[in-house]
Each structure stands twice: as structure tokens, then as C-alpha cells.
Amino acid sequence: MKLQDFDFRIWNNETERHETNKPLISLLMIDVLARVAHLNGNKFEIELWTGIYDKNGKKIYEGDIVKTKSPYDCFLAKVSIHKEGTFYLESKSRDYIGSLIYLVKDEGYDTEIIGNIHENAELLNENKPS
């Protein structure tokens, strides 16, 4: 991903909503917001764009819950950042499922955003996605 394609969204833990005032948010403010989030008891969470779109053309961000289908399997997972800096899919029990880029780009898994961890965490408790 090129720097010009870099994108993120911000979850506000106080208002329990994603911040939508884009002019207020710029690349230069990321470091400031990260420091403010830490100082303000994690009021803000910065969620990075993975560089990947779901099957409906929506950007997949860290914290999204996705339904992922292959010819052999179907599962729900949360998009997370691995300690090595790559995006991966995480099960409800926080187990590593696989690299998001590998499963979607290389293996061709059909992926759709169905919610996010802040507003729809209960989705990860479903036994089998429909």
C-alpha cells in the first residue's frame, strides 16, 4: 500500500461511535491522537485500514468482524494486527486463523464485513454463520 492510500478510522470510547469529522483528522494528528488516547484512558482507538476491500467494495479496517467463505469452510472472525505488523483473522477465542492478505488475495476467500468489535461483538458468539 502506498502512503497516499493510507487510511484509518477512530473509535471514540466515550461516545461509542466512530469519529466522522474527517477534516479534523489528518495524518499529522495520528501521533498526537495516539498520545491523547493513552493520556485520556484510551478514549480513542485508531483502527488502520488493511488495504483490502470486502466483496461489496467496503474498506476492511482493524476491528471489523467479517464473514469469510472458502469452498470448504465458512467462519466469522475479527480483523486484528499481529505483533509483527500484519493483519490477520482472529477467532472468538482469540486464536490465530490466518493472514488476511493470504486468505483473501492468494486463496480467494469471499469476505464480507458484517459489523465491528465495538458495536457488534456478539456476532463472534454465533456458532455457524448463515
N, C-alpha and C. Protein backbone atom coordinates (compact mmCIF):
# COMPACT_ATOMS: atom_id res chain seq x y z
N MET A 1 0.85 -1.17 0.00
CA MET A 1 0.00 0.00 0.00
C MET A 1 0.89 1.24 0.00
N LYS A 2 0.55 2.19 -0.82
CA LYS A 2 1.28 3.45 -0.89
C LYS A 2 0.80 4.38 0.23
N LEU A 3 1.67 5.28 0.64
CA LEU A 3 1.31 6.21 1.70
C LEU A 3 0.07 7.01 1.33
N GLN A 4 -0.09 7.34 0.06
CA GLN A 4 -1.27 8.11 -0.35
C GLN A 4 -2.57 7.31 -0.16
N ASP A 5 -2.46 5.99 -0.05
CA ASP A 5 -3.63 5.14 0.16
C ASP A 5 -3.90 4.87 1.64
N PHE A 6 -3.02 5.36 2.50
CA PHE A 6 -3.14 5.13 3.94
C PHE A 6 -4.46 5.68 4.45
N ASP A 7 -5.15 4.90 5.27
CA ASP A 7 -6.43 5.35 5.82
C ASP A 7 -6.62 4.71 7.19
N PHE A 8 -7.44 5.32 7.97
CA PHE A 8 -7.75 4.82 9.31
C PHE A 8 -9.09 5.38 9.73
N ARG A 9 -9.63 4.84 10.78
CA ARG A 9 -10.83 5.40 11.39
C ARG A 9 -10.58 5.45 12.89
N ILE A 10 -11.36 6.26 13.58
CA ILE A 10 -11.16 6.43 15.02
C ILE A 10 -12.45 6.10 15.76
N TRP A 11 -12.34 5.19 16.71
CA TRP A 11 -13.45 4.83 17.59
C TRP A 11 -13.33 5.65 18.86
N ASN A 12 -14.42 6.32 19.25
CA ASN A 12 -14.45 7.12 20.47
C ASN A 12 -15.15 6.29 21.55
N ASN A 13 -14.39 5.87 22.55
CA ASN A 13 -14.95 5.03 23.62
C ASN A 13 -15.96 5.77 24.49
N GLU A 14 -15.90 7.10 24.53
CA GLU A 14 -16.85 7.86 25.35
C GLU A 14 -18.21 7.97 24.66
N THR A 15 -18.20 8.31 23.37
CA THR A 15 -19.46 8.46 22.64
C THR A 15 -19.93 7.15 22.04
N GLU A 16 -19.05 6.13 22.05
CA GLU A 16 -19.32 4.82 21.47
C GLU A 16 -19.74 4.93 20.01
N ARG A 17 -18.97 5.73 19.28
CA ARG A 17 -19.20 5.92 17.84
C ARG A 17 -17.86 6.13 17.16
N HIS A 18 -17.85 5.86 15.85
CA HIS A 18 -16.68 6.20 15.06
C HIS A 18 -16.71 7.70 14.78
N GLU A 19 -15.56 8.36 14.89
CA GLU A 19 -15.46 9.78 14.57
C GLU A 19 -15.62 9.94 13.07
N THR A 20 -16.43 10.90 12.65
CA THR A 20 -16.69 11.09 11.22
C THR A 20 -16.23 12.44 10.70
N ASN A 21 -15.69 13.28 11.56
CA ASN A 21 -15.26 14.61 11.14
C ASN A 21 -13.88 14.51 10.49
N LYS A 22 -13.84 14.07 9.21
CA LYS A 22 -12.58 13.84 8.51
C LYS A 22 -11.69 15.07 8.41
N PRO A 23 -12.22 16.28 8.17
CA PRO A 23 -11.31 17.43 8.09
C PRO A 23 -10.54 17.65 9.39
N LEU A 24 -11.11 17.24 10.48
CA LEU A 24 -10.46 17.40 11.78
C LEU A 24 -9.31 16.42 11.95
N ILE A 25 -9.38 15.30 11.23
CA ILE A 25 -8.40 14.22 11.38
C ILE A 25 -7.45 14.24 10.20
N SER A 26 -6.16 14.30 10.46
CA SER A 26 -5.17 14.26 9.38
C SER A 26 -4.04 13.33 9.76
N LEU A 27 -3.23 12.98 8.79
CA LEU A 27 -2.09 12.09 9.06
C LEU A 27 -1.16 12.66 10.11
N LEU A 28 -1.04 13.98 10.14
CA LEU A 28 -0.15 14.60 11.11
C LEU A 28 -0.66 14.47 12.54
N MET A 29 -1.94 14.17 12.70
CA MET A 29 -2.52 14.08 14.04
C MET A 29 -2.47 12.68 14.61
N ILE A 30 -2.05 11.69 13.84
CA ILE A 30 -2.06 10.31 14.33
C ILE A 30 -1.24 10.17 15.60
N ASP A 31 -0.03 10.69 15.59
CA ASP A 31 0.82 10.57 16.77
C ASP A 31 0.20 11.30 17.96
N VAL A 32 -0.34 12.48 17.71
CA VAL A 32 -0.98 13.26 18.77
C VAL A 32 -2.17 12.49 19.34
N LEU A 33 -3.01 11.96 18.46
CA LEU A 33 -4.19 11.22 18.92
C LEU A 33 -3.80 9.98 19.71
N ALA A 34 -2.76 9.31 19.26
CA ALA A 34 -2.30 8.12 19.98
C ALA A 34 -1.86 8.49 21.39
N ARG A 35 -1.15 9.61 21.51
CA ARG A 35 -0.72 10.06 22.83
C ARG A 35 -1.91 10.50 23.68
N VAL A 36 -2.85 11.22 23.06
CA VAL A 36 -4.05 11.66 23.77
C VAL A 36 -4.86 10.46 24.23
N ALA A 37 -4.98 9.46 23.35
CA ALA A 37 -5.72 8.25 23.71
C ALA A 37 -5.11 7.61 24.95
N HIS A 38 -3.80 7.57 24.99
CA HIS A 38 -3.12 6.97 26.14
C HIS A 38 -3.34 7.82 27.40
N LEU A 39 -3.23 9.13 27.25
CA LEU A 39 -3.36 10.02 28.40
C LEU A 39 -4.80 10.11 28.90
N ASN A 40 -5.76 9.95 28.01
CA ASN A 40 -7.17 10.08 28.38
C ASN A 40 -7.82 8.74 28.68
N GLY A 41 -7.05 7.78 29.13
CA GLY A 41 -7.63 6.49 29.49
C GLY A 41 -8.18 5.75 28.29
N ASN A 42 -7.48 5.85 27.18
CA ASN A 42 -7.88 5.16 25.95
C ASN A 42 -9.25 5.60 25.45
N LYS A 43 -9.47 6.90 25.44
CA LYS A 43 -10.72 7.45 24.92
C LYS A 43 -10.86 7.13 23.44
N PHE A 44 -9.76 7.18 22.69
CA PHE A 44 -9.80 6.94 21.26
C PHE A 44 -9.03 5.67 20.90
N GLU A 45 -9.53 4.96 19.90
CA GLU A 45 -8.82 3.82 19.34
C GLU A 45 -8.65 4.06 17.85
N ILE A 46 -7.42 4.05 17.40
CA ILE A 46 -7.14 4.23 15.98
C ILE A 46 -7.14 2.87 15.32
N GLU A 47 -7.97 2.70 14.29
CA GLU A 47 -8.10 1.43 13.59
C GLU A 47 -7.64 1.62 12.15
N LEU A 48 -6.60 0.90 11.78
CA LEU A 48 -5.99 1.05 10.46
C LEU A 48 -6.76 0.30 9.39
N TRP A 49 -6.74 0.87 8.18
CA TRP A 49 -7.30 0.19 7.01
C TRP A 49 -6.30 -0.87 6.58
N THR A 50 -6.80 -2.04 6.22
CA THR A 50 -5.95 -3.17 5.85
C THR A 50 -5.41 -3.08 4.43
N GLY A 51 -5.99 -2.21 3.62
CA GLY A 51 -5.61 -2.15 2.21
C GLY A 51 -6.45 -3.09 1.37
N ILE A 52 -7.42 -3.75 2.00
CA ILE A 52 -8.26 -4.74 1.32
C ILE A 52 -9.72 -4.30 1.41
N TYR A 53 -10.46 -4.60 0.34
CA TYR A 53 -11.90 -4.34 0.29
C TYR A 53 -12.65 -5.66 0.44
N ASP A 54 -13.85 -5.61 1.02
CA ASP A 54 -14.66 -6.82 1.09
C ASP A 54 -15.38 -7.03 -0.24
N LYS A 55 -16.20 -8.05 -0.33
CA LYS A 55 -16.85 -8.39 -1.60
C LYS A 55 -17.83 -7.32 -2.07
N ASN A 56 -18.23 -6.41 -1.17
CA ASN A 56 -19.15 -5.32 -1.53
C ASN A 56 -18.42 -4.00 -1.79
N GLY A 57 -17.10 -4.04 -1.81
CA GLY A 57 -16.32 -2.84 -2.08
C GLY A 57 -16.09 -1.95 -0.87
N LYS A 58 -16.41 -2.43 0.34
CA LYS A 58 -16.19 -1.65 1.57
C LYS A 58 -14.78 -1.90 2.10
N LYS A 59 -14.13 -0.86 2.60
CA LYS A 59 -12.80 -0.99 3.17
C LYS A 59 -12.86 -1.83 4.45
N ILE A 60 -11.93 -2.78 4.58
CA ILE A 60 -11.83 -3.60 5.78
C ILE A 60 -10.82 -2.96 6.72
N TYR A 61 -11.28 -2.63 7.94
CA TYR A 61 -10.44 -1.99 8.95
C TYR A 61 -10.16 -2.97 10.09
N GLU A 62 -9.09 -2.68 10.82
CA GLU A 62 -8.82 -3.37 12.07
C GLU A 62 -10.06 -3.23 12.95
N GLY A 63 -10.48 -4.31 13.60
CA GLY A 63 -11.65 -4.27 14.46
C GLY A 63 -12.94 -4.67 13.78
N ASP A 64 -12.93 -4.79 12.46
CA ASP A 64 -14.12 -5.25 11.75
C ASP A 64 -14.35 -6.73 12.03
N ILE A 65 -15.61 -7.12 12.00
CA ILE A 65 -15.97 -8.54 12.06
C ILE A 65 -16.39 -8.92 10.65
N VAL A 66 -15.78 -9.98 10.15
CA VAL A 66 -16.04 -10.39 8.77
C VAL A 66 -16.55 -11.83 8.72
N LYS A 67 -17.39 -12.07 7.71
CA LYS A 67 -17.80 -13.44 7.39
C LYS A 67 -16.94 -13.86 6.22
N THR A 68 -16.24 -14.96 6.37
CA THR A 68 -15.28 -15.41 5.37
C THR A 68 -15.66 -16.80 4.90
N LYS A 69 -15.72 -16.95 3.57
CA LYS A 69 -16.11 -18.24 2.99
C LYS A 69 -15.05 -18.72 2.02
N SER A 70 -14.78 -20.02 2.11
CA SER A 70 -13.97 -20.70 1.11
C SER A 70 -14.84 -21.82 0.57
N PRO A 71 -14.38 -22.54 -0.44
CA PRO A 71 -15.18 -23.67 -0.93
C PRO A 71 -15.41 -24.73 0.15
N TYR A 72 -14.59 -24.73 1.20
CA TYR A 72 -14.64 -25.79 2.21
C TYR A 72 -15.09 -25.34 3.58
N ASP A 73 -15.17 -24.04 3.83
CA ASP A 73 -15.42 -23.57 5.18
C ASP A 73 -16.10 -22.21 5.16
N CYS A 74 -16.73 -21.86 6.27
CA CYS A 74 -17.33 -20.54 6.46
C CYS A 74 -17.18 -20.20 7.94
N PHE A 75 -16.67 -19.02 8.24
CA PHE A 75 -16.46 -18.65 9.64
C PHE A 75 -16.54 -17.14 9.81
N LEU A 76 -16.76 -16.73 11.06
CA LEU A 76 -16.75 -15.32 11.44
C LEU A 76 -15.44 -15.05 12.17
N ALA A 77 -14.88 -13.88 11.94
CA ALA A 77 -13.61 -13.54 12.59
C ALA A 77 -13.48 -12.04 12.75
N LYS A 78 -12.63 -11.65 13.68
CA LYS A 78 -12.29 -10.24 13.89
C LYS A 78 -10.97 -9.96 13.19
N VAL A 79 -10.87 -8.80 12.55
CA VAL A 79 -9.62 -8.39 11.92
C VAL A 79 -8.75 -7.74 12.98
N SER A 80 -7.52 -8.25 13.14
CA SER A 80 -6.60 -7.75 14.15
C SER A 80 -5.23 -7.51 13.54
N ILE A 81 -4.36 -6.84 14.29
CA ILE A 81 -2.98 -6.64 13.84
C ILE A 81 -2.08 -7.56 14.65
N HIS A 82 -1.31 -8.35 13.94
CA HIS A 82 -0.36 -9.28 14.57
C HIS A 82 0.80 -8.48 15.14
N LYS A 83 1.49 -9.03 16.12
CA LYS A 83 2.62 -8.33 16.74
C LYS A 83 3.71 -8.00 15.73
N GLU A 84 3.74 -8.72 14.60
CA GLU A 84 4.73 -8.45 13.55
C GLU A 84 4.24 -7.40 12.55
N GLY A 85 3.04 -6.88 12.77
CA GLY A 85 2.54 -5.79 11.94
C GLY A 85 1.66 -6.19 10.78
N THR A 86 1.32 -7.46 10.65
CA THR A 86 0.44 -7.89 9.56
C THR A 86 -0.99 -8.02 10.08
N PHE A 87 -1.94 -7.90 9.18
CA PHE A 87 -3.35 -8.08 9.55
C PHE A 87 -3.68 -9.56 9.49
N TYR A 88 -4.44 -10.02 10.47
CA TYR A 88 -4.84 -11.42 10.48
C TYR A 88 -6.27 -11.56 10.98
N LEU A 89 -6.84 -12.74 10.79
CA LEU A 89 -8.17 -13.03 11.28
C LEU A 89 -8.05 -13.77 12.60
N GLU A 90 -8.86 -13.34 13.56
CA GLU A 90 -8.82 -13.87 14.93
C GLU A 90 -10.18 -14.44 15.28
N SER A 91 -10.20 -15.64 15.84
CA SER A 91 -11.46 -16.29 16.23
C SER A 91 -12.01 -15.68 17.51
N LYS A 92 -13.24 -16.09 17.88
CA LYS A 92 -13.85 -15.56 19.11
C LYS A 92 -13.04 -15.93 20.34
N SER A 93 -12.27 -17.03 20.27
CA SER A 93 -11.43 -17.42 21.40
C SER A 93 -10.04 -16.80 21.30
N ARG A 94 -9.90 -15.83 20.39
CA ARG A 94 -8.68 -15.06 20.16
C ARG A 94 -7.55 -15.89 19.55
N ASP A 95 -7.91 -16.99 18.91
CA ASP A 95 -6.93 -17.82 18.21
C ASP A 95 -6.63 -17.24 16.84
N TYR A 96 -5.41 -17.44 16.39
CA TYR A 96 -4.97 -17.00 15.07
C TYR A 96 -5.58 -17.93 14.02
N ILE A 97 -6.32 -17.37 13.06
CA ILE A 97 -6.90 -18.17 11.98
C ILE A 97 -5.99 -18.15 10.77
N GLY A 98 -5.54 -16.97 10.39
CA GLY A 98 -4.67 -16.86 9.23
C GLY A 98 -4.49 -15.42 8.80
N SER A 99 -3.53 -15.20 7.92
CA SER A 99 -3.25 -13.88 7.39
C SER A 99 -4.40 -13.41 6.51
N LEU A 100 -4.89 -12.20 6.76
CA LEU A 100 -5.98 -11.64 5.97
C LEU A 100 -5.59 -11.55 4.50
N ILE A 101 -4.41 -11.02 4.23
CA ILE A 101 -3.96 -10.86 2.85
C ILE A 101 -3.84 -12.21 2.16
N TYR A 102 -3.28 -13.20 2.83
CA TYR A 102 -3.12 -14.52 2.23
C TYR A 102 -4.48 -15.15 1.92
N LEU A 103 -5.38 -15.14 2.90
CA LEU A 103 -6.68 -15.79 2.71
C LEU A 103 -7.53 -15.10 1.65
N VAL A 104 -7.51 -13.77 1.62
CA VAL A 104 -8.36 -13.04 0.68
C VAL A 104 -7.71 -12.91 -0.69
N LYS A 105 -6.47 -12.44 -0.72
CA LYS A 105 -5.80 -12.20 -2.01
C LYS A 105 -5.30 -13.48 -2.67
N ASP A 106 -4.60 -14.33 -1.91
CA ASP A 106 -3.98 -15.52 -2.50
C ASP A 106 -4.93 -16.70 -2.62
N GLU A 107 -5.71 -16.95 -1.58
CA GLU A 107 -6.60 -18.11 -1.58
C GLU A 107 -8.00 -17.79 -2.11
N GLY A 108 -8.31 -16.51 -2.27
CA GLY A 108 -9.59 -16.11 -2.85
C GLY A 108 -10.79 -16.30 -1.94
N TYR A 109 -10.59 -16.25 -0.63
CA TYR A 109 -11.71 -16.36 0.29
C TYR A 109 -12.67 -15.19 0.07
N ASP A 110 -13.95 -15.48 0.05
CA ASP A 110 -15.01 -14.49 -0.10
C ASP A 110 -15.22 -13.84 1.27
N THR A 111 -14.98 -12.55 1.40
CA THR A 111 -15.02 -11.89 2.70
C THR A 111 -16.00 -10.72 2.68
N GLU A 112 -16.84 -10.64 3.72
CA GLU A 112 -17.84 -9.59 3.83
C GLU A 112 -17.84 -9.02 5.24
N ILE A 113 -17.81 -7.69 5.36
CA ILE A 113 -17.91 -7.04 6.67
C ILE A 113 -19.35 -7.18 7.15
N ILE A 114 -19.52 -7.67 8.38
CA ILE A 114 -20.87 -7.79 8.94
C ILE A 114 -21.05 -6.95 10.20
N GLY A 115 -19.98 -6.31 10.65
CA GLY A 115 -20.05 -5.47 11.84
C GLY A 115 -18.66 -5.09 12.31
N ASN A 116 -18.59 -4.60 13.55
CA ASN A 116 -17.29 -4.30 14.14
C ASN A 116 -17.31 -4.69 15.61
N ILE A 117 -16.14 -4.81 16.17
CA ILE A 117 -15.99 -5.34 17.52
C ILE A 117 -16.62 -4.43 18.58
N HIS A 118 -16.77 -3.15 18.29
CA HIS A 118 -17.33 -2.22 19.26
C HIS A 118 -18.85 -2.29 19.33
N GLU A 119 -19.49 -2.38 18.17
CA GLU A 119 -20.95 -2.33 18.10
C GLU A 119 -21.61 -3.70 17.95
N ASN A 120 -20.86 -4.69 17.52
CA ASN A 120 -21.45 -6.00 17.21
C ASN A 120 -20.63 -7.17 17.73
N ALA A 121 -20.01 -7.04 18.88
CA ALA A 121 -19.15 -8.10 19.42
C ALA A 121 -19.89 -9.43 19.55
N GLU A 122 -21.20 -9.36 19.77
CA GLU A 122 -21.99 -10.59 19.93
C GLU A 122 -21.98 -11.47 18.68
N LEU A 123 -21.67 -10.89 17.53
CA LEU A 123 -21.62 -11.68 16.30
C LEU A 123 -20.59 -12.79 16.38
N LEU A 124 -19.52 -12.56 17.12
CA LEU A 124 -18.47 -13.59 17.24
C LEU A 124 -18.94 -14.78 18.07
N ASN A 125 -20.06 -14.64 18.77
CA ASN A 125 -20.58 -15.74 19.58
C ASN A 125 -21.47 -16.69 18.79
N GLU A 126 -21.80 -16.33 17.55
CA GLU A 126 -22.62 -17.21 16.73
C GLU A 126 -21.84 -18.48 16.42
N ASN A 127 -22.52 -19.61 16.49
CA ASN A 127 -21.86 -20.89 16.23
C ASN A 127 -21.49 -21.05 14.77
N LYS A 128 -22.41 -20.84 13.88
CA LYS A 128 -22.15 -21.02 12.45
C LYS A 128 -22.81 -19.87 11.71
N PRO A 129 -22.06 -19.12 10.91
CA PRO A 129 -22.65 -18.02 10.16
C PRO A 129 -23.62 -18.53 9.12
N SER A 130 -24.63 -17.73 8.83
CA SER A 130 -25.62 -18.13 7.81
C SER A 130 -25.21 -17.69 6.43
